[in-house]
Amino acid sequence: MPDAPSRKYLFLIADGMGDWPMQELGGKTVLGAANTPAMDAMARQGLAGLCRTIPPGMPPGSDVANMSLLGYDPAANHTGRGPIEAAAQGLALAPDDLVWRCNLVDLTALAPHGIMRDYSSGHITTEAARTLIAQMQATLPSLQDGPLQLIPGIQYRHLLVQKGGATGPDATLHIRPPHDLTDKPIADDVAAYASSAALAPLLQEAAAFLAGPHNPTRARSLWPWGQGRPLHLEDFHRKTGLRGAVMSAVDLINGLGRAAGMTVLHAEGITGLLDTNYEGKVQAAMDFLDSGGDFVFLHVEAPDECGHAGNMEDKIESIQRFDARVVQPLYQRYGQTDAVFCIACDHLTPLEVRTHVPEPVPFLLYWNGCHLCAGLSVFTEATAANTGLVIEPGHTLLDWIVRTTGGRQA
């Protein structure tokens, strides 16, 4: 185990915050257009740069990117999106189980001519979604006494466990993430599903069930994707010497934390959307740090959701809320202590394409008395890029920050 740290570390992650310049904003990005006085104040006294969170050849998903930010090499550790979210629920899995992330989605039809209308079924509520998942698990023939089991999650995000599937052909089935397909044809994915002896009948049964009058939501299909074997990560404390915690509304982050042996923090009313309980997240982080914790990874999902929706106004608002209701209170509480702040996004979710891209992400590093001040006036993608600092591969960022800030005792 590395030497014990002499500082506390706050990683504040606004999922998908990074973007591309927009004509509607006079050539600014949404981060550049947003009013972010707390981040800008820290930029004037800190250091900024870019971090390549997505290794070459890997998909630009939050699973890969956040694994990098937590200090784990995705090329060596990533097995799939589903296994990470299974870890969040503490599921008991066999080594040869295949775990799928399984969205409830809104399609025009589960057919070659179908179109993906909404990867989230209109941001279906957790209560409504869990009711549908329970009803399907209890009634669909393909889920009775076979290798498949639906596991309810949060909102549109659920799991499908395929017993023994990791050694079969479905382990290499290529299904695109539904958030990459908004308003796009799904013919390739339908063909892939049709090739699976296990998935093809299940999806047809689910589509028929969801088309019935008993379903008051926009959900019209299951969408299994991101499959893989169960996830195993080296213990975070043993690896870094830091007593760490994660705080997020999404199972993806909680699963990474749980798999790494970190504390998973909770707060009432956290949603993963623009209306989340920011104050509850901040208080949970403070309580952890003030009770002996060394590292907190506080994740806000809202900018990414707004990016997928293509909503410029809401994405600007989500960044402003992140600045005012997450960064500012934590800066006020710890900014004049020996704490270190890293503010970043995991990946870019440009409004123009409404999905993730693999470009390096901007990050801001601040601590009281920073001797590496870059002389920035604001924190944006452009100002971070102009410093010339690039950290790659991305999973080395955490260790680089600890070393740069003198965070280990001699």
Protein backbone atom coordinates (compact mmCIF):
# COMPACT_ATOMS: atom_id res chain seq x y z
CA MET A 1 0.00 0.00 0.00
CA PRO A 2 1.30 3.53 -0.76
CA ASP A 3 2.18 5.87 2.08
CA ALA A 4 -0.76 7.51 3.85
CA PRO A 5 -1.91 10.78 2.24
CA SER A 6 -1.39 14.15 3.89
CA ARG A 7 -4.27 15.83 2.01
CA LYS A 8 -7.94 15.29 1.24
CA TYR A 9 -9.06 14.99 -2.38
CA LEU A 10 -12.36 16.07 -3.94
CA PHE A 11 -13.05 14.85 -7.47
CA LEU A 12 -16.13 16.76 -8.69
CA ILE A 13 -17.36 15.23 -11.94
CA ALA A 14 -20.02 16.81 -14.16
CA ASP A 15 -20.86 13.95 -16.51
CA GLY A 16 -20.77 14.98 -20.17
CA MET A 17 -20.20 18.68 -19.35
CA GLY A 18 -17.66 19.15 -22.15
CA ASP A 19 -18.96 20.17 -25.56
CA TRP A 20 -18.08 21.73 -28.91
CA PRO A 21 -18.30 25.43 -29.86
CA MET A 22 -21.77 26.41 -31.03
CA GLN A 23 -22.80 29.06 -33.53
CA GLU A 24 -25.85 29.85 -31.41
CA LEU A 25 -23.50 30.81 -28.56
CA GLY A 26 -21.19 32.97 -30.64
CA GLY A 27 -18.60 30.26 -30.94
CA LYS A 28 -18.61 29.39 -27.24
CA THR A 29 -19.32 26.00 -25.74
CA VAL A 30 -22.08 25.60 -23.19
CA LEU A 31 -19.39 25.55 -20.47
CA GLY A 32 -18.03 28.80 -21.84
CA ALA A 33 -21.50 30.35 -22.00
CA ALA A 34 -22.53 29.23 -18.51
CA ASN A 35 -22.10 31.50 -15.49
CA THR A 36 -19.56 29.58 -13.36
CA PRO A 37 -17.99 31.98 -10.84
CA ALA A 38 -16.76 29.25 -8.49
CA MET A 39 -14.90 27.25 -11.14
CA ASP A 40 -13.55 30.46 -12.68
CA ALA A 41 -12.24 31.65 -9.30
CA MET A 42 -10.47 28.33 -8.82
CA ALA A 43 -9.07 28.51 -12.37
CA ARG A 44 -7.45 31.87 -11.61
CA GLN A 45 -5.53 30.27 -8.75
CA GLY A 46 -5.06 26.77 -10.12
CA LEU A 47 -3.99 24.64 -13.03
CA ALA A 48 -5.92 23.21 -15.95
CA GLY A 49 -5.31 20.76 -18.76
CA LEU A 50 -6.74 17.87 -20.72
CA CYS A 51 -7.04 14.21 -19.77
CA ARG A 52 -7.58 11.35 -22.21
CA THR A 53 -10.09 9.26 -20.26
CA ILE A 54 -10.97 7.00 -23.22
CA PRO A 55 -8.15 4.67 -24.29
CA PRO A 56 -7.70 4.32 -28.07
CA GLY A 57 -10.08 1.79 -29.54
CA MET A 58 -12.44 1.69 -26.56
CA PRO A 59 -16.01 3.08 -26.68
CA PRO A 60 -16.45 6.57 -25.20
CA GLY A 61 -18.82 5.57 -22.43
CA SER A 62 -19.17 6.73 -18.85
CA ASP A 63 -18.14 3.26 -17.71
CA VAL A 64 -14.74 3.48 -19.38
CA ALA A 65 -14.22 7.18 -18.60
CA ASN A 66 -15.09 7.08 -14.91
CA MET A 67 -13.02 3.95 -14.41
CA SER A 68 -10.09 5.99 -15.74
CA LEU A 69 -10.81 8.92 -13.44
CA LEU A 70 -10.83 6.57 -10.45
CA GLY A 71 -7.35 5.40 -11.39
CA TYR A 72 -8.09 2.03 -13.01
CA ASP A 73 -6.90 1.14 -16.49
CA PRO A 74 -10.02 0.27 -18.54
CA ALA A 75 -7.94 -1.70 -21.03
CA ALA A 76 -7.01 -4.09 -18.22
CA ASN A 77 -10.12 -3.98 -16.01
CA HIS A 78 -13.22 -3.19 -18.07
CA THR A 79 -15.51 -6.16 -18.77
CA GLY A 80 -18.71 -4.32 -19.78
CA ARG A 81 -21.29 -1.80 -18.63
CA GLY A 82 -23.65 -4.39 -17.16
CA PRO A 83 -21.12 -5.93 -14.74
CA ILE A 84 -20.33 -2.51 -13.25
CA GLU A 85 -23.98 -1.85 -12.47
CA ALA A 86 -24.36 -5.38 -11.12
CA ALA A 87 -21.56 -4.58 -8.67
CA ALA A 88 -23.61 -1.60 -7.44
CA GLN A 89 -26.38 -3.97 -6.43
CA GLY A 90 -24.04 -6.48 -4.85
CA LEU A 91 -25.36 -9.31 -7.02
CA ALA A 92 -23.97 -12.79 -6.38
CA LEU A 93 -22.68 -13.89 -9.78
CA ALA A 94 -20.84 -16.92 -11.10
CA PRO A 95 -17.62 -16.37 -13.06
CA ASP A 96 -19.28 -17.47 -16.32
CA ASP A 97 -22.41 -15.34 -15.95
CA LEU A 98 -23.02 -12.74 -18.64
CA VAL A 99 -24.44 -9.48 -17.27
CA TRP A 100 -26.25 -7.05 -19.56
CA ARG A 101 -27.25 -3.48 -18.91
CA CYS A 102 -30.91 -3.47 -19.95
CA ASN A 103 -32.71 -0.24 -20.80
CA LEU A 104 -36.42 0.27 -21.05
CA VAL A 105 -36.64 2.13 -24.37
CA ASP A 106 -39.24 3.69 -26.62
CA LEU A 107 -39.13 2.32 -30.19
CA THR A 108 -41.42 2.79 -33.15
CA ALA A 109 -41.16 -0.98 -33.56
CA LEU A 110 -38.81 -3.81 -32.59
CA ALA A 111 -38.26 -4.57 -36.27
CA PRO A 112 -35.76 -3.80 -39.05
CA HIS A 113 -37.71 -0.66 -39.97
CA GLY A 114 -37.81 0.51 -36.32
CA ILE A 115 -36.47 3.81 -34.98
CA MET A 116 -35.15 4.53 -31.47
CA ARG A 117 -37.42 7.28 -30.17
CA ASP A 118 -36.06 7.53 -26.62
CA TYR A 119 -33.36 5.56 -24.81
CA SER A 120 -34.98 6.44 -21.44
CA SER A 121 -38.70 5.92 -22.22
CA GLY A 122 -39.34 9.55 -21.42
CA HIS A 123 -37.24 9.29 -18.24
CA ILE A 124 -39.59 6.71 -16.83
CA THR A 125 -39.89 6.85 -13.04
CA THR A 126 -38.20 4.21 -10.93
CA GLU A 127 -41.54 3.15 -9.43
CA ALA A 128 -43.22 2.65 -12.81
CA ALA A 129 -40.18 0.88 -14.26
CA ARG A 130 -39.82 -1.51 -11.33
CA THR A 131 -43.49 -2.46 -11.67
CA LEU A 132 -43.00 -3.34 -15.33
CA ILE A 133 -39.78 -5.27 -14.68
CA ALA A 134 -41.43 -7.27 -11.89
CA GLN A 135 -44.45 -8.08 -14.06
CA MET A 136 -42.26 -9.25 -16.93
CA GLN A 137 -40.05 -11.34 -14.67
CA ALA A 138 -43.17 -13.04 -13.27
CA THR A 139 -44.99 -13.67 -16.54
CA LEU A 140 -42.77 -13.81 -19.64
CA PRO A 141 -42.07 -17.42 -20.69
CA SER A 142 -38.41 -16.78 -21.47
CA LEU A 143 -37.81 -15.70 -17.88
CA GLN A 144 -39.27 -18.80 -16.26
CA ASP A 145 -36.84 -21.50 -15.13
CA GLY A 146 -34.22 -20.57 -17.71
CA PRO A 147 -30.86 -18.82 -17.88
CA LEU A 148 -32.30 -15.28 -18.03
CA GLN A 149 -33.29 -13.05 -15.11
CA LEU A 150 -34.32 -9.39 -15.08
CA ILE A 151 -32.99 -7.34 -12.17
CA PRO A 152 -34.75 -4.00 -11.48
CA GLY A 153 -32.64 -0.86 -11.22
CA ILE A 154 -33.25 2.90 -11.29
CA GLN A 155 -35.47 4.73 -13.80
CA TYR A 156 -34.76 3.25 -17.25
CA ARG A 157 -31.54 1.45 -16.17
CA HIS A 158 -31.93 -2.27 -15.37
CA LEU A 159 -29.97 -5.51 -15.66
CA LEU A 160 -30.37 -8.84 -17.41
CA VAL A 161 -28.33 -11.77 -16.08
CA GLN A 162 -27.68 -14.64 -18.48
CA LYS A 163 -26.45 -17.64 -16.50
CA GLY A 164 -23.46 -19.26 -18.18
CA GLY A 165 -23.65 -16.82 -21.06
CA ALA A 166 -20.05 -15.62 -20.81
CA THR A 167 -18.84 -18.78 -22.53
CA GLY A 168 -21.38 -18.62 -25.36
CA PRO A 169 -21.82 -16.63 -28.57
CA ASP A 170 -23.88 -13.88 -26.91
CA ALA A 171 -20.76 -12.67 -25.10
CA THR A 172 -19.50 -11.13 -28.35
CA LEU A 173 -22.83 -9.91 -29.68
CA HIS A 174 -22.50 -6.27 -30.80
CA ILE A 175 -25.40 -4.10 -29.65
CA ARG A 176 -25.07 -0.33 -29.76
CA PRO A 177 -25.80 1.78 -26.65
CA PRO A 178 -29.35 3.11 -27.00
CA HIS A 179 -28.28 6.66 -26.12
CA ASP A 180 -26.26 6.62 -29.35
CA LEU A 181 -29.35 5.86 -31.44
CA THR A 182 -31.88 8.61 -30.70
CA ASP A 183 -34.03 9.13 -33.82
CA LYS A 184 -31.89 6.57 -35.71
CA PRO A 185 -32.66 3.19 -37.32
CA ILE A 186 -32.10 0.06 -35.26
CA ALA A 187 -31.94 -2.53 -38.06
CA ASP A 188 -28.39 -3.67 -37.27
CA ASP A 189 -29.21 -4.23 -33.61
CA VAL A 190 -32.47 -6.04 -34.39
CA ALA A 191 -30.52 -8.39 -36.64
CA ALA A 192 -28.00 -9.02 -33.87
CA TYR A 193 -30.74 -9.77 -31.35
CA ALA A 194 -32.37 -12.16 -33.84
CA SER A 195 -29.17 -14.21 -33.94
CA SER A 196 -29.39 -14.94 -30.21
CA ALA A 197 -31.38 -18.02 -29.22
CA ALA A 198 -31.82 -16.61 -25.73
CA LEU A 199 -32.51 -12.92 -26.41
CA ALA A 200 -34.70 -13.08 -29.53
CA PRO A 201 -37.77 -14.69 -27.89
CA LEU A 202 -37.41 -12.60 -24.73
CA LEU A 203 -37.42 -9.31 -26.62
CA GLN A 204 -40.47 -10.28 -28.68
CA GLU A 205 -42.35 -11.32 -25.53
CA ALA A 206 -41.37 -8.07 -23.79
CA ALA A 207 -42.45 -5.94 -26.75
CA ALA A 208 -45.86 -7.64 -26.82
CA PHE A 209 -46.25 -7.17 -23.07
CA LEU A 210 -45.25 -3.49 -23.17
CA ALA A 211 -47.67 -2.80 -26.04
CA GLY A 212 -50.58 -3.84 -23.81
CA PRO A 213 -53.12 -1.48 -22.19
CA HIS A 214 -51.75 -2.17 -18.70
CA ASN A 215 -48.57 -0.19 -19.51
CA PRO A 216 -49.14 3.56 -18.96
CA THR A 217 -45.53 4.51 -19.79
CA ARG A 218 -43.63 5.15 -23.01
CA ALA A 219 -41.53 1.97 -22.61
CA ARG A 220 -41.96 -0.28 -25.65
CA SER A 221 -38.99 -2.63 -25.50
CA LEU A 222 -36.16 -4.02 -23.47
CA TRP A 223 -32.70 -3.17 -24.84
CA PRO A 224 -29.89 -5.39 -23.49
CA TRP A 225 -26.38 -4.05 -24.21
CA GLY A 226 -22.95 -3.58 -22.60
CA GLN A 227 -22.60 -7.23 -21.61
CA GLY A 228 -19.66 -8.80 -19.81
CA ARG A 229 -18.33 -11.07 -17.09
CA PRO A 230 -18.49 -9.99 -13.41
CA LEU A 231 -16.19 -7.08 -12.53
CA HIS A 232 -13.26 -7.28 -10.11
CA LEU A 233 -11.11 -4.26 -9.16
CA GLU A 234 -8.13 -3.89 -6.86
CA ASP A 235 -9.11 -2.41 -3.50
CA PHE A 236 -8.93 1.40 -3.77
CA HIS A 237 -7.44 1.93 -0.30
CA ARG A 238 -4.79 -0.74 -0.86
CA LYS A 239 -4.00 0.70 -4.28
CA THR A 240 -3.85 4.41 -3.39
CA GLY A 241 -3.58 4.68 0.39
CA LEU A 242 -6.76 6.80 0.28
CA ARG A 243 -9.96 6.04 2.17
CA GLY A 244 -12.39 6.79 -0.63
CA ALA A 245 -16.11 7.18 -1.30
CA VAL A 246 -18.36 7.75 -4.29
CA MET A 247 -21.56 9.82 -4.39
CA SER A 248 -23.81 9.48 -7.42
CA ALA A 249 -27.42 8.88 -8.44
CA VAL A 250 -26.43 6.29 -11.04
CA ASP A 251 -25.55 2.65 -10.45
CA LEU A 252 -22.60 2.87 -12.82
CA ILE A 253 -20.59 5.04 -10.41
CA ASN A 254 -21.81 3.21 -7.34
CA GLY A 255 -20.82 -0.09 -8.97
CA LEU A 256 -17.30 1.10 -9.66
CA GLY A 257 -17.02 2.29 -6.08
CA ARG A 258 -18.37 -0.91 -4.58
CA ALA A 259 -16.16 -3.09 -6.80
CA ALA A 260 -13.15 -1.07 -5.58
CA GLY A 261 -14.10 -1.45 -1.91
CA MET A 262 -15.00 2.23 -1.55
CA THR A 263 -17.81 3.65 0.58
CA VAL A 264 -20.99 4.29 -1.41
CA LEU A 265 -22.66 7.43 -0.06
CA HIS A 266 -26.42 8.04 -0.18
CA ALA A 267 -28.79 11.00 -0.06
CA GLU A 268 -32.54 11.29 -0.45
CA GLY A 269 -33.90 12.76 -3.68
CA ILE A 270 -30.94 12.20 -5.97
CA THR A 271 -32.24 11.58 -9.48
CA GLY A 272 -29.46 11.85 -12.05
CA LEU A 273 -31.43 14.68 -13.64
CA LEU A 274 -31.48 18.48 -13.49
CA ASP A 275 -33.66 18.42 -10.36
CA THR A 276 -31.35 16.24 -8.26
CA ASN A 277 -30.64 16.91 -4.59
CA TYR A 278 -27.34 18.76 -4.96
CA GLU A 279 -27.29 19.84 -1.32
CA GLY A 280 -27.75 16.26 -0.15
CA LYS A 281 -24.81 15.11 -2.26
CA VAL A 282 -22.60 17.87 -0.90
CA GLN A 283 -23.57 17.18 2.71
CA ALA A 284 -22.86 13.47 2.33
CA ALA A 285 -19.44 14.27 0.89
CA MET A 286 -18.67 16.68 3.72
CA ASP A 287 -19.76 14.18 6.36
CA PHE A 288 -17.48 11.54 4.88
CA LEU A 289 -14.45 13.80 4.66
CA ASP A 290 -15.02 15.27 8.11
CA SER A 291 -15.26 11.81 9.64
CA GLY A 292 -11.86 10.65 8.42
CA GLY A 293 -12.28 10.06 4.70
CA ASP A 294 -9.51 11.09 2.32
CA PHE A 295 -11.09 11.01 -1.14
CA VAL A 296 -14.59 11.65 -2.45
CA PHE A 297 -15.76 11.19 -6.03
CA LEU A 298 -18.92 13.30 -6.36
CA HIS A 299 -20.67 12.69 -9.68
CA VAL A 300 -23.50 14.75 -11.24
CA GLU A 301 -25.28 13.15 -14.19
CA ALA A 302 -27.46 16.06 -15.37
CA PRO A 303 -25.19 17.65 -18.05
CA ASP A 304 -24.92 14.31 -19.83
CA GLU A 305 -28.67 13.77 -19.82
CA CYS A 306 -29.19 17.27 -21.23
CA GLY A 307 -26.57 16.59 -23.90
CA HIS A 308 -28.32 13.40 -24.99
CA ALA A 309 -31.59 15.33 -25.14
CA GLY A 310 -30.01 18.02 -27.32
CA ASN A 311 -31.26 20.72 -24.93
CA MET A 312 -28.81 23.63 -24.91
CA GLU A 313 -30.64 25.74 -22.34
CA ASP A 314 -30.94 22.88 -19.87
CA LYS A 315 -27.31 21.88 -20.34
CA ILE A 316 -26.18 25.42 -19.55
CA GLU A 317 -28.45 25.41 -16.50
CA SER A 318 -27.10 22.03 -15.36
CA ILE A 319 -23.54 23.39 -15.46
CA GLN A 320 -24.57 26.52 -13.57
CA ARG A 321 -26.25 24.42 -10.88
CA PHE A 322 -23.17 22.21 -10.63
CA ASP A 323 -21.03 25.31 -10.10
CA ALA A 324 -23.37 27.05 -7.64
CA ARG A 325 -24.66 24.08 -5.66
CA VAL A 326 -21.73 21.64 -5.72
CA VAL A 327 -18.46 23.43 -6.45
CA GLN A 328 -19.17 26.66 -4.56
CA PRO A 329 -20.20 25.19 -1.18
CA LEU A 330 -17.33 22.69 -1.20
CA TYR A 331 -14.89 25.43 -2.24
CA GLN A 332 -16.13 27.58 0.63
CA ARG A 333 -15.77 24.72 3.10
CA TYR A 334 -12.40 23.31 1.99
CA GLY A 335 -10.83 25.86 -0.36
CA GLN A 336 -8.58 27.38 2.31
CA THR A 337 -7.59 24.04 3.84
CA ASP A 338 -5.06 21.54 2.53
CA ALA A 339 -7.72 19.88 0.33
CA VAL A 340 -7.16 19.29 -3.39
CA PHE A 341 -9.93 19.77 -5.95
CA CYS A 342 -10.12 18.13 -9.35
CA ILE A 343 -13.08 19.33 -11.42
CA ALA A 344 -13.71 17.51 -14.68
CA CYS A 345 -16.14 15.75 -16.94
CA ASP A 346 -15.73 12.09 -17.75
CA HIS A 347 -16.29 12.56 -21.50
CA LEU A 348 -17.75 15.15 -23.84
CA THR A 349 -21.44 14.86 -24.82
CA PRO A 350 -21.74 17.45 -27.60
CA LEU A 351 -25.22 18.79 -28.27
CA GLU A 352 -24.55 18.56 -31.99
CA VAL A 353 -24.30 14.76 -31.96
CA ARG A 354 -26.25 14.03 -28.71
CA THR A 355 -23.87 11.26 -27.69
CA HIS A 356 -20.37 10.70 -26.29
CA VAL A 357 -17.14 11.37 -28.15
CA PRO A 358 -13.63 10.15 -27.24
CA GLU A 359 -11.84 13.52 -27.20
CA PRO A 360 -9.72 14.43 -24.15
CA VAL A 361 -11.69 16.15 -21.39
CA PRO A 362 -10.85 19.41 -19.64
CA PHE A 363 -9.91 19.25 -15.97
CA LEU A 364 -9.23 21.90 -13.35
CA LEU A 365 -6.81 21.30 -10.46
CA TYR A 366 -6.87 23.59 -7.43
CA TRP A 367 -5.40 23.59 -3.95
CA ASN A 368 -4.66 26.39 -1.50
CA GLY A 369 -1.24 27.77 -2.33
CA CYS A 370 -0.99 26.12 -5.73
CA HIS A 371 2.48 26.95 -7.07
CA LEU A 372 1.68 25.91 -10.65
CA CYS A 373 -0.92 28.58 -11.43
CA ALA A 374 -1.67 28.69 -15.14
CA GLY A 375 -2.96 32.27 -15.05
CA LEU A 376 -6.39 31.44 -16.47
CA SER A 377 -9.33 33.81 -16.22
CA VAL A 378 -12.04 31.18 -16.76
CA PHE A 379 -12.36 27.40 -16.96
CA THR A 380 -13.43 26.18 -20.39
CA GLU A 381 -12.43 23.49 -22.85
CA ALA A 382 -10.33 26.04 -24.76
CA THR A 383 -8.50 27.50 -21.76
CA ALA A 384 -7.70 23.99 -20.52
CA ALA A 385 -6.39 22.97 -23.94
CA ASN A 386 -4.29 26.14 -24.28
CA THR A 387 -2.12 25.24 -21.27
CA GLY A 388 -0.60 22.40 -23.29
CA LEU A 389 -0.91 19.98 -20.37
CA VAL A 390 -2.28 16.59 -21.41
CA ILE A 391 -2.48 13.62 -19.05
CA GLU A 392 -2.58 10.30 -20.86
CA PRO A 393 -3.43 7.60 -20.35
CA GLY A 394 -6.29 8.94 -18.27
CA HIS A 395 -6.07 6.37 -15.49
CA THR A 396 -2.79 7.99 -14.39
CA LEU A 397 -4.48 11.32 -13.57
CA LEU A 398 -5.26 10.49 -9.93
CA ASP A 399 -1.73 9.38 -9.13
CA TRP A 400 -0.31 12.37 -11.03
CA ILE A 401 -2.47 14.72 -8.94
CA VAL A 402 -1.40 13.12 -5.67
CA ARG A 403 2.26 13.40 -6.64
CA THR A 404 1.91 16.93 -8.04
CA THR A 405 0.23 18.25 -4.90
CA GLY A 406 2.73 16.61 -2.56
CA GLY A 407 -0.08 14.56 -1.15
CA ARG A 408 1.98 11.73 0.29
CA GLN A 409 3.97 11.90 3.47
CA ALA A 410 7.69 11.40 3.10
